[in-house]
């Protein structure tokens, strides 16, 4: 049985999907981009600010399911330019304990929704 997870503290979906789906003890989040949930505007002032907004959005979706980054077992990072990997990775890494960090992949793609630079999704388990 699946339970739809939603929060007003993360951006509302911009298509036919939900912020996250909980099935059993496993949470599957949709990819988060740097939309400020308070005003619906993209945060693109800098790659640092963009990545922080993505991670904060993901944090709020996890919180809506009573989870934290400690529950995350797998992430997928999609970036528009692999040259940005170092800066994104530094910010991403600050949200995890390196010893218990999740598995992940990082993929460079031609385009992302709204032509952002980074999108991140996660799978978490209670």
PDB file of N, CA and C in Angstrom:
ATOM      1  N   UNK A   1       0.835  -1.169   0.000  1.00  0.00           N
ATOM      2  CA  UNK A   1       0.000   0.000   0.000  1.00  0.00           C
ATOM      3  C   UNK A   1       0.887   1.242   0.000  1.00  0.00           C
ATOM      4  N   UNK A   2       0.531   2.208  -0.801  1.00  0.00           N
ATOM      5  CA  UNK A   2       1.352   3.407  -0.843  1.00  0.00           C
ATOM      6  C   UNK A   2       0.640   4.580  -0.192  1.00  0.00           C
ATOM      7  N   UNK A   3       1.462   5.458   0.395  1.00  0.00           N
ATOM      8  CA  UNK A   3       0.962   6.668   1.029  1.00  0.00           C
ATOM      9  C   UNK A   3       1.646   7.848   0.350  1.00  0.00           C
ATOM     10  N   UNK A   4       0.867   8.809  -0.087  1.00  0.00           N
ATOM     11  CA  UNK A   4       1.410   9.997  -0.730  1.00  0.00           C
ATOM     12  C   UNK A   4       1.891  10.957   0.355  1.00  0.00           C
ATOM     13  N   UNK A   5       3.113  11.453   0.201  1.00  0.00           N
ATOM     14  CA  UNK A   5       3.708  12.391   1.148  1.00  0.00           C
ATOM     15  C   UNK A   5       3.732  13.774   0.498  1.00  0.00           C
ATOM     16  N   UNK A   6       3.194  14.748   1.205  1.00  0.00           N
ATOM     17  CA  UNK A   6       3.205  16.124   0.698  1.00  0.00           C
ATOM     18  C   UNK A   6       3.531  17.084   1.830  1.00  0.00           C
ATOM     19  N   UNK A   7       4.096  18.218   1.470  1.00  0.00           N
ATOM     20  CA  UNK A   7       4.381  19.290   2.418  1.00  0.00           C
ATOM     21  C   UNK A   7       4.363  20.621   1.678  1.00  0.00           C
ATOM     22  N   UNK A   8       3.908  21.642   2.356  1.00  0.00           N
ATOM     23  CA  UNK A   8       3.954  22.987   1.778  1.00  0.00           C
ATOM     24  C   UNK A   8       5.329  23.612   1.963  1.00  0.00           C
ATOM     25  N   UNK A   9       6.222  22.919   2.684  1.00  0.00           N
ATOM     26  CA  UNK A   9       7.570  23.431   2.934  1.00  0.00           C
ATOM     27  C   UNK A   9       8.544  23.071   1.820  1.00  0.00           C
ATOM     28  N   UNK A  10       8.049  22.383   0.796  1.00  0.00           N
ATOM     29  CA  UNK A  10       8.830  22.069  -0.409  1.00  0.00           C
ATOM     30  C   UNK A  10       7.952  22.440  -1.599  1.00  0.00           C
ATOM     31  N   UNK A  11       8.562  22.619  -2.763  1.00  0.00           N
ATOM     32  CA  UNK A  11       7.776  23.036  -3.929  1.00  0.00           C
ATOM     33  C   UNK A  11       6.679  22.038  -4.286  1.00  0.00           C
ATOM     34  N   UNK A  12       5.539  22.573  -4.676  1.00  0.00           N
ATOM     35  CA  UNK A  12       4.450  21.731  -5.161  1.00  0.00           C
ATOM     36  C   UNK A  12       4.869  21.103  -6.485  1.00  0.00           C
ATOM     37  N   UNK A  13       4.398  19.915  -6.790  1.00  0.00           N
ATOM     38  CA  UNK A  13       4.719  19.287  -8.074  1.00  0.00           C
ATOM     39  C   UNK A  13       4.281  20.180  -9.242  1.00  0.00           C
ATOM     40  N   UNK A  14       5.064  20.128 -10.318  1.00  0.00           N
ATOM     41  CA  UNK A  14       4.748  20.905 -11.522  1.00  0.00           C
ATOM     42  C   UNK A  14       4.318  19.978 -12.655  1.00  0.00           C
ATOM     43  N   UNK A  15       3.766  18.849 -12.282  1.00  0.00           N
ATOM     44  CA  UNK A  15       3.315  17.863 -13.261  1.00  0.00           C
ATOM     45  C   UNK A  15       2.531  16.771 -12.555  1.00  0.00           C
ATOM     46  N   UNK A  16       2.246  15.693 -13.271  1.00  0.00           N
ATOM     47  CA  UNK A  16       1.453  14.598 -12.698  1.00  0.00           C
ATOM     48  C   UNK A  16       2.299  13.638 -11.858  1.00  0.00           C
ATOM     49  N   UNK A  17       2.758  14.131 -10.712  1.00  0.00           N
ATOM     50  CA  UNK A  17       3.541  13.319  -9.778  1.00  0.00           C
ATOM     51  C   UNK A  17       3.365  13.904  -8.380  1.00  0.00           C
ATOM     52  N   UNK A  18       3.886  13.229  -7.380  1.00  0.00           N
ATOM     53  CA  UNK A  18       3.835  13.680  -5.998  1.00  0.00           C
ATOM     54  C   UNK A  18       5.242  13.946  -5.483  1.00  0.00           C
ATOM     55  N   UNK A  19       5.330  14.690  -4.389  1.00  0.00           N
ATOM     56  CA  UNK A  19       6.640  14.987  -3.813  1.00  0.00           C
ATOM     57  C   UNK A  19       7.353  13.714  -3.366  1.00  0.00           C
ATOM     58  N   UNK A  20       6.589  12.771  -2.836  1.00  0.00           N
ATOM     59  CA  UNK A  20       7.172  11.505  -2.397  1.00  0.00           C
ATOM     60  C   UNK A  20       6.069  10.471  -2.218  1.00  0.00           C
ATOM     61  N   UNK A  21       6.487   9.210  -2.260  1.00  0.00           N
ATOM     62  CA  UNK A  21       5.575   8.094  -2.024  1.00  0.00           C
ATOM     63  C   UNK A  21       6.235   7.175  -1.000  1.00  0.00           C
ATOM     64  N   UNK A  22       5.482   6.857   0.052  1.00  0.00           N
ATOM     65  CA  UNK A  22       5.938   5.934   1.079  1.00  0.00           C
ATOM     66  C   UNK A  22       5.234   4.611   0.863  1.00  0.00           C
ATOM     67  N   UNK A  23       6.006   3.546   0.758  1.00  0.00           N
ATOM     68  CA  UNK A  23       5.436   2.205   0.660  1.00  0.00           C
ATOM     69  C   UNK A  23       6.166   1.342   1.684  1.00  0.00           C
ATOM     70  N   UNK A  24       5.405   0.808   2.620  1.00  0.00           N
ATOM     71  CA  UNK A  24       6.043   0.097   3.737  1.00  0.00           C
ATOM     72  C   UNK A  24       6.900   1.087   4.507  1.00  0.00           C
ATOM     73  N   UNK A  25       8.162   0.756   4.675  1.00  0.00           N
ATOM     74  CA  UNK A  25       9.108   1.640   5.361  1.00  0.00           C
ATOM     75  C   UNK A  25      10.002   2.405   4.397  1.00  0.00           C
ATOM     76  N   UNK A  26       9.723   2.313   3.093  1.00  0.00           N
ATOM     77  CA  UNK A  26      10.593   2.920   2.088  1.00  0.00           C
ATOM     78  C   UNK A  26       9.940   4.140   1.468  1.00  0.00           C
ATOM     79  N   UNK A  27      10.698   5.231   1.432  1.00  0.00           N
ATOM     80  CA  UNK A  27      10.242   6.486   0.854  1.00  0.00           C
ATOM     81  C   UNK A  27      10.984   6.736  -0.447  1.00  0.00           C
ATOM     82  N   UNK A  28      10.243   7.055  -1.482  1.00  0.00           N
ATOM     83  CA  UNK A  28      10.803   7.418  -2.782  1.00  0.00           C
ATOM     84  C   UNK A  28      10.453   8.875  -3.035  1.00  0.00           C
ATOM     85  N   UNK A  29      11.456   9.736  -3.108  1.00  0.00           N
ATOM     86  CA  UNK A  29      11.173  11.147  -3.356  1.00  0.00           C
ATOM     87  C   UNK A  29      11.277  11.451  -4.839  1.00  0.00           C
ATOM     88  N   UNK A  30      10.506  12.424  -5.256  1.00  0.00           N
ATOM     89  CA  UNK A  30      10.670  12.950  -6.606  1.00  0.00           C
ATOM     90  C   UNK A  30      11.901  13.843  -6.607  1.00  0.00           C
ATOM     91  N   UNK A  31      12.445  14.065  -7.786  1.00  0.00           N
ATOM     92  CA  UNK A  31      13.597  14.948  -7.899  1.00  0.00           C
ATOM     93  C   UNK A  31      13.238  16.352  -7.456  1.00  0.00           C
ATOM     94  N   UNK A  32      14.139  16.949  -6.703  1.00  0.00           N
ATOM     95  CA  UNK A  32      13.947  18.323  -6.239  1.00  0.00           C
ATOM     96  C   UNK A  32      14.860  19.256  -7.011  1.00  0.00           C
ATOM     97  N   UNK A  33      14.285  20.382  -7.413  1.00  0.00           N
ATOM     98  CA  UNK A  33      15.075  21.444  -8.027  1.00  0.00           C
ATOM     99  C   UNK A  33      14.976  22.660  -7.118  1.00  0.00           C
ATOM    100  N   UNK A  34      15.669  23.719  -7.465  1.00  0.00           N
ATOM    101  CA  UNK A  34      15.795  24.887  -6.588  1.00  0.00           C
ATOM    102  C   UNK A  34      14.634  25.862  -6.715  1.00  0.00           C
ATOM    103  N   UNK A  35      13.442  25.394  -6.410  1.00  0.00           N
ATOM    104  CA  UNK A  35      12.285  26.279  -6.352  1.00  0.00           C
ATOM    105  C   UNK A  35      12.057  26.647  -4.897  1.00  0.00           C
ATOM    106  N   UNK A  36      11.971  27.932  -4.623  1.00  0.00           N
ATOM    107  CA  UNK A  36      11.662  28.395  -3.277  1.00  0.00           C
ATOM    108  C   UNK A  36      10.179  28.123  -3.041  1.00  0.00           C
ATOM    109  N   UNK A  37       9.832  27.288  -2.061  1.00  0.00           N
ATOM    110  CA  UNK A  37       8.421  26.929  -1.849  1.00  0.00           C
ATOM    111  C   UNK A  37       7.560  28.089  -1.358  1.00  0.00           C
ATOM    112  N   UNK A  38       8.188  29.120  -0.815  1.00  0.00           N
ATOM    113  CA  UNK A  38       7.425  30.262  -0.306  1.00  0.00           C
ATOM    114  C   UNK A  38       6.877  31.149  -1.412  1.00  0.00           C
ATOM    115  N   UNK A  39       7.642  31.281  -2.507  1.00  0.00           N
ATOM    116  CA  UNK A  39       7.197  32.186  -3.574  1.00  0.00           C
ATOM    117  C   UNK A  39       7.149  31.541  -4.961  1.00  0.00           C
ATOM    118  N   UNK A  40       7.571  30.289  -5.060  1.00  0.00           N
ATOM    119  CA  UNK A  40       7.535  29.584  -6.328  1.00  0.00           C
ATOM    120  C   UNK A  40       8.604  29.998  -7.318  1.00  0.00           C
ATOM    121  N   UNK A  41       9.531  30.832  -6.882  1.00  0.00           N
ATOM    122  CA  UNK A  41      10.593  31.328  -7.761  1.00  0.00           C
ATOM    123  C   UNK A  41      11.813  30.406  -7.724  1.00  0.00           C
ATOM    124  N   UNK A  42      12.501  30.318  -8.854  1.00  0.00           N
ATOM    125  CA  UNK A  42      13.750  29.569  -8.904  1.00  0.00           C
ATOM    126  C   UNK A  42      14.841  30.326  -8.168  1.00  0.00           C
ATOM    127  N   UNK A  43      15.699  29.589  -7.475  1.00  0.00           N
ATOM    128  CA  UNK A  43      16.851  30.162  -6.788  1.00  0.00           C
ATOM    129  C   UNK A  43      18.073  29.839  -7.650  1.00  0.00           C
ATOM    130  N   UNK A  44      18.457  30.796  -8.468  1.00  0.00           N
ATOM    131  CA  UNK A  44      19.560  30.571  -9.397  1.00  0.00           C
ATOM    132  C   UNK A  44      20.647  31.646  -9.269  1.00  0.00           C
ATOM    133  N   UNK A  45      20.697  32.325  -8.110  1.00  0.00           N
ATOM    134  CA  UNK A  45      21.671  33.395  -7.917  1.00  0.00           C
ATOM    135  C   UNK A  45      23.105  32.887  -8.045  1.00  0.00           C
ATOM    136  N   UNK A  46      23.338  31.675  -7.552  1.00  0.00           N
ATOM    137  CA  UNK A  46      24.650  31.041  -7.657  1.00  0.00           C
ATOM    138  C   UNK A  46      24.441  29.537  -7.590  1.00  0.00           C
ATOM    139  N   UNK A  47      25.414  28.773  -8.043  1.00  0.00           N
ATOM    140  CA  UNK A  47      25.312  27.317  -7.972  1.00  0.00           C
ATOM    141  C   UNK A  47      25.226  26.866  -6.517  1.00  0.00           C
ATOM    142  N   UNK A  48      25.940  27.553  -5.631  1.00  0.00           N
ATOM    143  CA  UNK A  48      25.896  27.231  -4.203  1.00  0.00           C
ATOM    144  C   UNK A  48      24.483  27.400  -3.666  1.00  0.00           C
ATOM    145  N   UNK A  49      23.878  28.564  -3.899  1.00  0.00           N
ATOM    146  CA  UNK A  49      22.522  28.817  -3.405  1.00  0.00           C
ATOM    147  C   UNK A  49      21.508  27.871  -4.036  1.00  0.00           C
ATOM    148  N   UNK A  50      21.694  27.571  -5.304  1.00  0.00           N
ATOM    149  CA  UNK A  50      20.798  26.633  -5.987  1.00  0.00           C
ATOM    150  C   UNK A  50      20.867  25.253  -5.337  1.00  0.00           C
ATOM    151  N   UNK A  51      22.070  24.764  -5.098  1.00  0.00           N
ATOM    152  CA  UNK A  51      22.239  23.434  -4.506  1.00  0.00           C
ATOM    153  C   UNK A  51      21.711  23.390  -3.075  1.00  0.00           C
ATOM    154  N   UNK A  52      21.941  24.449  -2.318  1.00  0.00           N
ATOM    155  CA  UNK A  52      21.401  24.509  -0.953  1.00  0.00           C
ATOM    156  C   UNK A  52      19.881  24.432  -0.999  1.00  0.00           C
ATOM    157  N   UNK A  53      19.241  25.164  -1.912  1.00  0.00           N
ATOM    158  CA  UNK A  53      17.776  25.129  -1.992  1.00  0.00           C
ATOM    159  C   UNK A  53      17.284  23.731  -2.341  1.00  0.00           C
ATOM    160  N   UNK A  54      17.976  23.051  -3.254  1.00  0.00           N
ATOM    161  CA  UNK A  54      17.608  21.679  -3.613  1.00  0.00           C
ATOM    162  C   UNK A  54      17.667  20.784  -2.376  1.00  0.00           C
ATOM    163  N   UNK A  55      18.754  20.878  -1.626  1.00  0.00           N
ATOM    164  CA  UNK A  55      18.924  20.025  -0.456  1.00  0.00           C
ATOM    165  C   UNK A  55      17.917  20.386   0.643  1.00  0.00           C
ATOM    166  N   UNK A  56      17.616  21.656   0.806  1.00  0.00           N
ATOM    167  CA  UNK A  56      16.616  22.061   1.798  1.00  0.00           C
ATOM    168  C   UNK A  56      15.231  21.557   1.406  1.00  0.00           C
ATOM    169  N   UNK A  57      14.911  21.597   0.122  1.00  0.00           N
ATOM    170  CA  UNK A  57      13.629  21.053  -0.336  1.00  0.00           C
ATOM    171  C   UNK A  57      13.554  19.559  -0.054  1.00  0.00           C
ATOM    172  N   UNK A  58      14.642  18.861  -0.343  1.00  0.00           N
ATOM    173  CA  UNK A  58      14.684  17.422  -0.087  1.00  0.00           C
ATOM    174  C   UNK A  58      14.552  17.143   1.413  1.00  0.00           C
ATOM    175  N   UNK A  59      15.204  17.958   2.234  1.00  0.00           N
ATOM    176  CA  UNK A  59      15.111  17.810   3.691  1.00  0.00           C
ATOM    177  C   UNK A  59      13.666  17.943   4.166  1.00  0.00           C
ATOM    178  N   UNK A  60      12.921  18.872   3.599  1.00  0.00           N
ATOM    179  CA  UNK A  60      11.522  19.077   4.004  1.00  0.00           C
ATOM    180  C   UNK A  60      10.625  17.926   3.561  1.00  0.00           C
ATOM    181  N   UNK A  61      10.890  17.362   2.397  1.00  0.00           N
ATOM    182  CA  UNK A  61      10.116  16.199   1.957  1.00  0.00           C
ATOM    183  C   UNK A  61      10.391  15.017   2.881  1.00  0.00           C
ATOM    184  N   UNK A  62      11.652  14.805   3.232  1.00  0.00           N
ATOM    185  CA  UNK A  62      11.993  13.742   4.181  1.00  0.00           C
ATOM    186  C   UNK A  62      11.299  13.981   5.520  1.00  0.00           C
ATOM    187  N   UNK A  63      11.318  15.219   5.998  1.00  0.00           N
ATOM    188  CA  UNK A  63      10.697  15.545   7.283  1.00  0.00           C
ATOM    189  C   UNK A  63       9.194  15.268   7.261  1.00  0.00           C
ATOM    190  N   UNK A  64       8.560  15.499   6.127  1.00  0.00           N
ATOM    191  CA  UNK A  64       7.119  15.238   6.012  1.00  0.00           C
ATOM    192  C   UNK A  64       6.802  13.762   6.195  1.00  0.00           C
ATOM    193  N   UNK A  65       7.799  12.908   5.986  1.00  0.00           N
ATOM    194  CA  UNK A  65       7.645  11.462   6.194  1.00  0.00           C
ATOM    195  C   UNK A  65       8.308  11.026   7.504  1.00  0.00           C
ATOM    196  N   UNK A  66       8.593  11.996   8.373  1.00  0.00           N
ATOM    197  CA  UNK A  66       9.262  11.733   9.658  1.00  0.00           C
ATOM    198  C   UNK A  66      10.612  11.064   9.472  1.00  0.00           C
ATOM    199  N   UNK A  67      11.372  11.553   8.493  1.00  0.00           N
ATOM    200  CA  UNK A  67      12.711  11.044   8.229  1.00  0.00           C
ATOM    201  C   UNK A  67      13.701  12.203   8.128  1.00  0.00           C
ATOM    202  N   UNK A  68      14.981  11.847   8.121  1.00  0.00           N
ATOM    203  CA  UNK A  68      16.064  12.811   7.948  1.00  0.00           C
ATOM    204  C   UNK A  68      17.029  12.257   6.905  1.00  0.00           C
ATOM    205  N   UNK A  69      18.094  12.996   6.659  1.00  0.00           N
ATOM    206  CA  UNK A  69      19.107  12.508   5.733  1.00  0.00           C
ATOM    207  C   UNK A  69      19.765  11.224   6.237  1.00  0.00           C
ATOM    208  N   UNK A  70      19.700  10.962   7.537  1.00  0.00           N
ATOM    209  CA  UNK A  70      20.239   9.705   8.070  1.00  0.00           C
ATOM    210  C   UNK A  70      19.462   8.493   7.562  1.00  0.00           C
ATOM    211  N   UNK A  71      18.224   8.681   7.150  1.00  0.00           N
ATOM    212  CA  UNK A  71      17.407   7.584   6.623  1.00  0.00           C
ATOM    213  C   UNK A  71      17.668   7.304   5.149  1.00  0.00           C
ATOM    214  N   UNK A  72      18.361   8.212   4.487  1.00  0.00           N
ATOM    215  CA  UNK A  72      18.566   8.085   3.035  1.00  0.00           C
ATOM    216  C   UNK A  72      19.570   6.980   2.740  1.00  0.00           C
ATOM    217  N   UNK A  73      19.162   6.061   1.844  1.00  0.00           N
ATOM    218  CA  UNK A  73      20.050   4.957   1.464  1.00  0.00           C
ATOM    219  C   UNK A  73      20.574   5.099   0.042  1.00  0.00           C
ATOM    220  N   UNK A  74      19.936   5.952  -0.777  1.00  0.00           N
ATOM    221  CA  UNK A  74      20.346   6.096  -2.184  1.00  0.00           C
ATOM    222  C   UNK A  74      19.904   7.458  -2.680  1.00  0.00           C
ATOM    223  N   UNK A  75      20.774   8.135  -3.406  1.00  0.00           N
ATOM    224  CA  UNK A  75      20.400   9.381  -4.069  1.00  0.00           C
ATOM    225  C   UNK A  75      20.777   9.305  -5.541  1.00  0.00           C
ATOM    226  N   UNK A  76      20.092  10.108  -6.302  1.00  0.00           N
ATOM    227  CA  UNK A  76      20.427  10.298  -7.722  1.00  0.00           C
ATOM    228  C   UNK A  76      20.601  11.787  -7.934  1.00  0.00           C
ATOM    229  N   UNK A  77      21.749  12.158  -8.482  1.00  0.00           N
ATOM    230  CA  UNK A  77      22.041  13.556  -8.750  1.00  0.00           C
ATOM    231  C   UNK A  77      22.161  13.729 -10.257  1.00  0.00           C
ATOM    232  N   UNK A  78      21.402  14.668 -10.773  1.00  0.00           N
ATOM    233  CA  UNK A  78      21.456  14.992 -12.192  1.00  0.00           C
ATOM    234  C   UNK A  78      21.971  16.418 -12.311  1.00  0.00           C
ATOM    235  N   UNK A  79      23.027  16.599 -13.101  1.00  0.00           N
ATOM    236  CA  UNK A  79      23.597  17.931 -13.259  1.00  0.00           C
ATOM    237  C   UNK A  79      23.746  18.253 -14.743  1.00  0.00           C
ATOM    238  N   UNK A  80      23.665  19.538 -15.045  1.00  0.00           N
ATOM    239  CA  UNK A  80      23.732  19.968 -16.445  1.00  0.00           C
ATOM    240  C   UNK A  80      25.156  20.117 -16.953  1.00  0.00           C
ATOM    241  N   UNK A  81      26.128  20.151 -16.033  1.00  0.00           N
ATOM    242  CA  UNK A  81      27.527  20.333 -16.433  1.00  0.00           C
ATOM    243  C   UNK A  81      28.417  19.650 -15.400  1.00  0.00           C
ATOM    244  N   UNK A  82      29.122  18.616 -15.807  1.00  0.00           N
ATOM    245  CA  UNK A  82      29.972  17.861 -14.882  1.00  0.00           C
ATOM    246  C   UNK A  82      31.083  18.738 -14.285  1.00  0.00           C
ATOM    247  N   UNK A  83      31.378  19.858 -14.918  1.00  0.00           N
ATOM    248  CA  UNK A  83      32.356  20.782 -14.347  1.00  0.00           C
ATOM    249  C   UNK A  83      31.866  21.381 -13.034  1.00  0.00           C
ATOM    250  N   UNK A  84      30.568  21.312 -12.771  1.00  0.00           N
ATOM    251  CA  UNK A  84      29.999  21.820 -11.523  1.00  0.00           C
ATOM    252  C   UNK A  84      29.988  20.780 -10.411  1.00  0.00           C
ATOM    253  N   UNK A  85      30.454  19.572 -10.708  1.00  0.00           N
ATOM    254  CA  UNK A  85      30.374  18.470  -9.748  1.00  0.00           C
ATOM    255  C   UNK A  85      31.020  18.810  -8.404  1.00  0.00           C
ATOM    256  N   UNK A  86      32.207  19.367  -8.418  1.00  0.00           N
ATOM    257  CA  UNK A  86      32.937  19.639  -7.174  1.00  0.00           C
ATOM    258  C   UNK A  86      32.164  20.528  -6.223  1.00  0.00           C
ATOM    259  N   UNK A  87      31.610  21.620  -6.745  1.00  0.00           N
ATOM    260  CA  UNK A  87      30.869  22.552  -5.890  1.00  0.00           C
ATOM    261  C   UNK A  87      29.569  21.928  -5.383  1.00  0.00           C
ATOM    262  N   UNK A  88      28.859  21.237  -6.256  1.00  0.00           N
ATOM    263  CA  UNK A  88      27.622  20.561  -5.858  1.00  0.00           C
ATOM    264  C   UNK A  88      27.932  19.488  -4.815  1.00  0.00           C
ATOM    265  N   UNK A  89      28.956  18.696  -5.047  1.00  0.00           N
ATOM    266  CA  UNK A  89      29.336  17.611  -4.148  1.00  0.00           C
ATOM    267  C   UNK A  89      29.690  18.124  -2.757  1.00  0.00           C
ATOM    268  N   UNK A  90      30.372  19.262  -2.688  1.00  0.00           N
ATOM    269  CA  UNK A  90      30.755  19.835  -1.391  1.00  0.00           C
ATOM    270  C   UNK A  90      29.511  20.183  -0.576  1.00  0.00           C
ATOM    271  N   UNK A  91      28.541  20.824  -1.203  1.00  0.00           N
ATOM    272  CA  UNK A  91      27.314  21.213  -0.505  1.00  0.00           C
ATOM    273  C   UNK A  91      26.491  19.973  -0.164  1.00  0.00           C
ATOM    274  N   UNK A  92      26.306  19.089  -1.140  1.00  0.00           N
ATOM    275  CA  UNK A  92      25.581  17.832  -0.925  1.00  0.00           C
ATOM    276  C   UNK A  92      26.177  17.088   0.269  1.00  0.00           C
ATOM    277  N   UNK A  93      27.490  16.962   0.292  1.00  0.00           N
ATOM    278  CA  UNK A  93      28.177  16.222   1.342  1.00  0.00           C
ATOM    279  C   UNK A  93      27.980  16.803   2.727  1.00  0.00           C
ATOM    280  N   UNK A  94      27.731  18.098   2.816  1.00  0.00           N
ATOM    281  CA  UNK A  94      27.551  18.736   4.122  1.00  0.00           C
ATOM    282  C   UNK A  94      26.242  18.310   4.795  1.00  0.00           C
ATOM    283  N   UNK A  95      25.342  17.690   4.059  1.00  0.00           N
ATOM    284  CA  UNK A  95      24.069  17.232   4.611  1.00  0.00           C
ATOM    285  C   UNK A  95      24.134  15.790   5.112  1.00  0.00           C
ATOM    286  N   UNK A  96      25.266  15.121   4.901  1.00  0.00           N
ATOM    287  CA  UNK A  96      25.399  13.716   5.291  1.00  0.00           C
ATOM    288  C   UNK A  96      26.605  13.505   6.180  1.00  0.00           C
ATOM    289  N   UNK A  97      26.532  12.465   6.997  1.00  0.00           N
ATOM    290  CA  UNK A  97      27.679  11.978   7.739  1.00  0.00           C
ATOM    291  C   UNK A  97      28.446  11.096   6.758  1.00  0.00           C
ATOM    292  N   UNK A  98      29.683  11.417   6.490  1.00  0.00           N
ATOM    293  CA  UNK A  98      30.450  10.689   5.471  1.00  0.00           C
ATOM    294  C   UNK A  98      30.512   9.182   5.744  1.00  0.00           C
ATOM    295  N   UNK A  99      30.555   8.794   7.012  1.00  0.00           N
ATOM    296  CA  UNK A  99      30.660   7.378   7.357  1.00  0.00           C
ATOM    297  C   UNK A  99      29.377   6.604   7.072  1.00  0.00           C
ATOM    298  N   UNK A 100      28.232   7.298   7.051  1.00  0.00           N
ATOM    299  CA  UNK A 100      26.954   6.628   6.805  1.00  0.00           C
ATOM    300  C   UNK A 100      26.241   7.185   5.575  1.00  0.00           C
ATOM    301  N   UNK A 101      26.990   7.871   4.719  1.00  0.00           N
ATOM    302  CA  UNK A 101      26.409   8.479   3.513  1.00  0.00           C
ATOM    303  C   UNK A 101      25.775   7.404   2.628  1.00  0.00           C
ATOM    304  N   UNK A 102      24.744   7.788   1.889  1.00  0.00           N
ATOM    305  CA  UNK A 102      24.049   6.817   1.036  1.00  0.00           C
ATOM    306  C   UNK A 102      24.837   6.461  -0.219  1.00  0.00           C
ATOM    307  N   UNK A 103      24.389   5.418  -0.881  1.00  0.00           N
ATOM    308  CA  UNK A 103      24.883   5.122  -2.222  1.00  0.00           C
ATOM    309  C   UNK A 103      24.331   6.209  -3.143  1.00  0.00           C
ATOM    310  N   UNK A 104      24.964   6.415  -4.297  1.00  0.00           N
ATOM    311  CA  UNK A 104      24.445   7.427  -5.211  1.00  0.00           C
ATOM    312  C   UNK A 104      25.054   7.270  -6.591  1.00  0.00           C
ATOM    313  N   UNK A 105      24.404   7.947  -7.536  1.00  0.00           N
ATOM    314  CA  UNK A 105      25.024   8.149  -8.840  1.00  0.00           C
ATOM    315  C   UNK A 105      24.880   9.612  -9.184  1.00  0.00           C
ATOM    316  N   UNK A 106      25.809  10.116  -9.975  1.00  0.00           N
ATOM    317  CA  UNK A 106      25.758  11.489 -10.465  1.00  0.00           C
ATOM    318  C   UNK A 106      25.867  11.411 -11.976  1.00  0.00           C
ATOM    319  N   UNK A 107      24.893  12.006 -12.652  1.00  0.00           N
ATOM    320  CA  UNK A 107      24.810  11.898 -14.108  1.00  0.00           C
ATOM    321  C   UNK A 107      24.702  13.279 -14.723  1.00  0.00           C
ATOM    322  N   UNK A 108      25.509  13.536 -15.730  1.00  0.00           N
ATOM    323  CA  UNK A 108      25.365  14.767 -16.496  1.00  0.00           C
ATOM    324  C   UNK A 108      24.293  14.544 -17.553  1.00  0.00           C
ATOM    325  N   UNK A 109      23.387  15.505 -17.656  1.00  0.00           N
ATOM    326  CA  UNK A 109      22.283  15.417 -18.613  1.00  0.00           C
ATOM    327  C   UNK A 109      22.260  16.665 -19.485  1.00  0.00           C
ATOM    328  N   UNK A 110      21.599  16.566 -20.636  1.00  0.00           N
ATOM    329  CA  UNK A 110      21.533  17.696 -21.567  1.00  0.00           C
ATOM    330  C   UNK A 110      20.703  18.846 -20.992  1.00  0.00           C
ATOM    331  N   UNK A 111      19.567  18.541 -20.378  1.00  0.00           N
ATOM    332  CA  UNK A 111      18.688  19.558 -19.804  1.00  0.00           C
ATOM    333  C   UNK A 111      17.945  18.991 -18.609  1.00  0.00           C
ATOM    334  N   UNK A 112      17.551  19.894 -17.731  1.00  0.00           N
ATOM    335  CA  UNK A 112      16.746  19.549 -16.572  1.00  0.00           C
ATOM    336  C   UNK A 112      15.498  20.425 -16.568  1.00  0.00           C
ATOM    337  N   UNK A 113      14.477  20.064 -15.767  1.00  0.00           N
ATOM    338  CA  UNK A 113      13.272  20.896 -15.719  1.00  0.00           C
ATOM    339  C   UNK A 113      13.615  22.359 -15.434  1.00  0.00           C
ATOM    340  N   UNK A 114      12.971  23.246 -16.149  1.00  0.00           N
ATOM    341  CA  UNK A 114      13.166  24.689 -16.010  1.00  0.00           C
ATOM    342  C   UNK A 114      14.613  25.102 -16.280  1.00  0.00           C
ATOM    343  N   UNK A 115      15.380  24.210 -16.912  1.00  0.00           N
ATOM    344  CA  UNK A 115      16.765  24.460 -17.291  1.00  0.00           C
ATOM    345  C   UNK A 115      17.661  24.804 -16.096  1.00  0.00           C
ATOM    346  N   UNK A 116      17.387  24.136 -14.951  1.00  0.00           N
ATOM    347  CA  UNK A 116      18.214  24.326 -13.766  1.00  0.00           C
ATOM    348  C   UNK A 116      19.537  23.584 -13.941  1.00  0.00           C
ATOM    349  N   UNK A 117      20.419  23.754 -12.966  1.00  0.00           N
ATOM    350  CA  UNK A 117      21.740  23.128 -13.020  1.00  0.00           C
ATOM    351  C   UNK A 117      21.828  21.800 -12.293  1.00  0.00           C
ATOM    352  N   UNK A 118      20.903  21.574 -11.337  1.00  0.00           N
ATOM    353  CA  UNK A 118      20.989  20.369 -10.517  1.00  0.00           C
ATOM    354  C   UNK A 118      19.597  19.921 -10.070  1.00  0.00           C
ATOM    355  N   UNK A 119      19.400  18.597 -10.042  1.00  0.00           N
ATOM    356  CA  UNK A 119      18.191  17.980  -9.513  1.00  0.00           C
ATOM    357  C   UNK A 119      18.612  16.750  -8.728  1.00  0.00           C
ATOM    358  N   UNK A 120      18.020  16.564  -7.547  1.00  0.00           N
ATOM    359  CA  UNK A 120      18.390  15.434  -6.694  1.00  0.00           C
ATOM    360  C   UNK A 120      17.145  14.724  -6.174  1.00  0.00           C
ATOM    361  N   UNK A 121      17.164  13.401  -6.231  1.00  0.00           N
ATOM    362  CA  UNK A 121      16.092  12.587  -5.652  1.00  0.00           C
ATOM    363  C   UNK A 121      16.734  11.608  -4.665  1.00  0.00           C
ATOM    364  N   UNK A 122      15.876  10.998  -3.829  1.00  0.00           N
ATOM    365  CA  UNK A 122      16.406  10.104  -2.795  1.00  0.00           C
ATOM    366  C   UNK A 122      15.446   8.948  -2.537  1.00  0.00           C
ATOM    367  N   UNK A 123      16.024   7.882  -2.018  1.00  0.00           N
ATOM    368  CA  UNK A 123      15.265   6.761  -1.469  1.00  0.00           C
ATOM    369  C   UNK A 123      15.713   6.652  -0.015  1.00  0.00           C
ATOM    370  N   UNK A 124      14.729   6.588   0.887  1.00  0.00           N
ATOM    371  CA  UNK A 124      15.027   6.524   2.325  1.00  0.00           C
ATOM    372  C   UNK A 124      14.233   5.392   2.970  1.00  0.00           C
ATOM    373  N   UNK A 125      14.759   4.874   4.064  1.00  0.00           N
ATOM    374  CA  UNK A 125      14.115   3.767   4.772  1.00  0.00           C
ATOM    375  C   UNK A 125      14.090   4.085   6.263  1.00  0.00           C
ATOM    376  N   UNK A 126      12.932   3.817   6.895  1.00  0.00           N
ATOM    377  CA  UNK A 126      12.823   4.005   8.355  1.00  0.00           C
ATOM    378  C   UNK A 126      13.447   2.828   9.057  1.00  0.00           C
TER     379      UNK A 126
END
